[in-house]
Amino acid sequence: MAGDTIQLLFAALFLLFLIYLLGSIFLKPLKLVLKIIINSFFGLLILWAFNFFGAYFHFFIPLNWLTVLIAGFLGLPGLVLLIFLRLVLGA
């Protein structure tokens, strides 16, 4: 009788470990996708604000997926990089 209880306890602990392991495997990519979406949103806001004020100087950065991702991932240094590339390449 005591042997059955110990086996049941080990089986329950093993099941909890498997649930934890599978949860951590599947949640990491979801966290990464959520972080990319949030950073892209803030990158879009940064570029929109820059283009709003840059319109007074006839200077803007096009809004596309690449510029939004650069501004989102790098933040203010990404915006400076985009400005530099716009000035150097004249694109």
Protein backbone atom coordinates (compact mmCIF):
# COMPACT_ATOMS: atom_id res chain seq x y z
CA MET A 1 0.00 0.00 0.00
CA ALA A 2 2.78 2.46 0.87
CA GLY A 3 4.58 1.57 -2.37
CA ASP A 4 1.55 2.58 -4.42
CA THR A 5 1.40 5.95 -2.67
CA ILE A 6 5.08 6.64 -3.36
CA GLN A 7 4.68 5.69 -7.03
CA LEU A 8 1.65 7.95 -7.31
CA LEU A 9 3.59 10.79 -5.69
CA PHE A 10 6.52 10.34 -8.09
CA ALA A 11 4.16 10.21 -11.06
CA ALA A 12 2.46 13.44 -9.94
CA LEU A 13 5.83 15.17 -9.46
CA PHE A 14 7.01 13.99 -12.87
CA LEU A 15 3.77 15.24 -14.46
CA LEU A 16 4.21 18.65 -12.82
CA PHE A 17 7.79 18.79 -14.09
CA LEU A 18 6.65 17.98 -17.64
CA ILE A 19 3.95 20.67 -17.49
CA TYR A 20 6.52 23.20 -16.28
CA LEU A 21 9.00 22.19 -18.98
CA LEU A 22 6.46 22.35 -21.82
CA GLY A 23 5.07 25.64 -20.51
CA SER A 24 8.49 27.25 -20.47
CA ILE A 25 9.25 25.96 -23.98
CA PHE A 26 6.03 27.37 -25.46
CA LEU A 27 5.90 30.64 -23.51
CA LYS A 28 9.35 31.94 -24.51
CA PRO A 29 8.45 32.43 -28.20
CA LEU A 30 5.15 34.07 -27.22
CA LYS A 31 6.98 36.50 -24.95
CA LEU A 32 9.39 37.32 -27.79
CA VAL A 33 6.54 37.97 -30.23
CA LEU A 34 4.78 40.18 -27.68
CA LYS A 35 8.01 42.12 -27.06
CA ILE A 36 8.50 42.65 -30.82
CA ILE A 37 4.92 43.92 -31.18
CA ILE A 38 5.25 46.33 -28.25
CA ASN A 39 8.64 47.64 -29.41
CA SER A 40 7.33 48.07 -32.96
CA PHE A 41 4.40 50.09 -31.62
CA PHE A 42 6.76 52.41 -29.74
CA GLY A 43 8.98 52.64 -32.82
CA LEU A 44 5.95 53.69 -34.83
CA LEU A 45 5.12 56.36 -32.25
CA ILE A 46 8.71 57.65 -32.29
CA LEU A 47 8.75 57.88 -36.09
CA TRP A 48 5.33 59.48 -36.19
CA ALA A 49 6.38 62.15 -33.68
CA PHE A 50 9.63 62.78 -35.56
CA ASN A 51 7.83 63.10 -38.88
CA PHE A 52 5.27 65.44 -37.29
CA PHE A 53 8.00 67.85 -36.15
CA GLY A 54 10.22 67.15 -39.15
CA ALA A 55 7.46 68.34 -41.49
CA TYR A 56 8.28 71.91 -40.46
CA PHE A 57 11.79 71.40 -41.88
CA HIS A 58 10.67 69.33 -44.90
CA PHE A 59 12.50 66.31 -43.49
CA PHE A 60 10.80 62.99 -42.85
CA ILE A 61 11.57 59.30 -42.54
CA PRO A 62 9.25 56.96 -44.43
CA LEU A 63 7.07 54.71 -42.31
CA ASN A 64 7.54 51.10 -43.34
CA TRP A 65 8.12 47.83 -41.52
CA LEU A 66 11.93 48.15 -41.61
CA THR A 67 12.12 51.69 -40.21
CA VAL A 68 9.53 50.85 -37.54
CA LEU A 69 11.48 47.77 -36.45
CA ILE A 70 14.79 49.67 -36.36
CA ALA A 71 13.28 52.48 -34.29
CA GLY A 72 11.45 49.95 -32.11
CA PHE A 73 14.42 47.72 -31.36
CA LEU A 74 17.05 50.42 -30.97
CA GLY A 75 14.90 53.24 -29.62
CA LEU A 76 16.47 56.70 -29.79
CA PRO A 77 19.80 55.42 -31.22
CA GLY A 78 17.76 53.73 -33.94
CA LEU A 79 16.09 57.02 -34.77
CA VAL A 80 19.51 58.71 -34.95
CA LEU A 81 20.68 55.89 -37.25
CA LEU A 82 17.69 56.39 -39.53
CA ILE A 83 18.29 60.16 -39.64
CA PHE A 84 21.96 59.58 -40.43
CA LEU A 85 21.12 57.13 -43.20
CA ARG A 86 18.55 59.53 -44.63
CA LEU A 87 21.13 62.35 -44.69
CA VAL A 88 23.98 60.25 -46.08
CA LEU A 89 22.06 58.22 -48.64
CA GLY A 90 19.55 60.92 -49.46
CA ALA A 91 16.90 58.27 -49.88
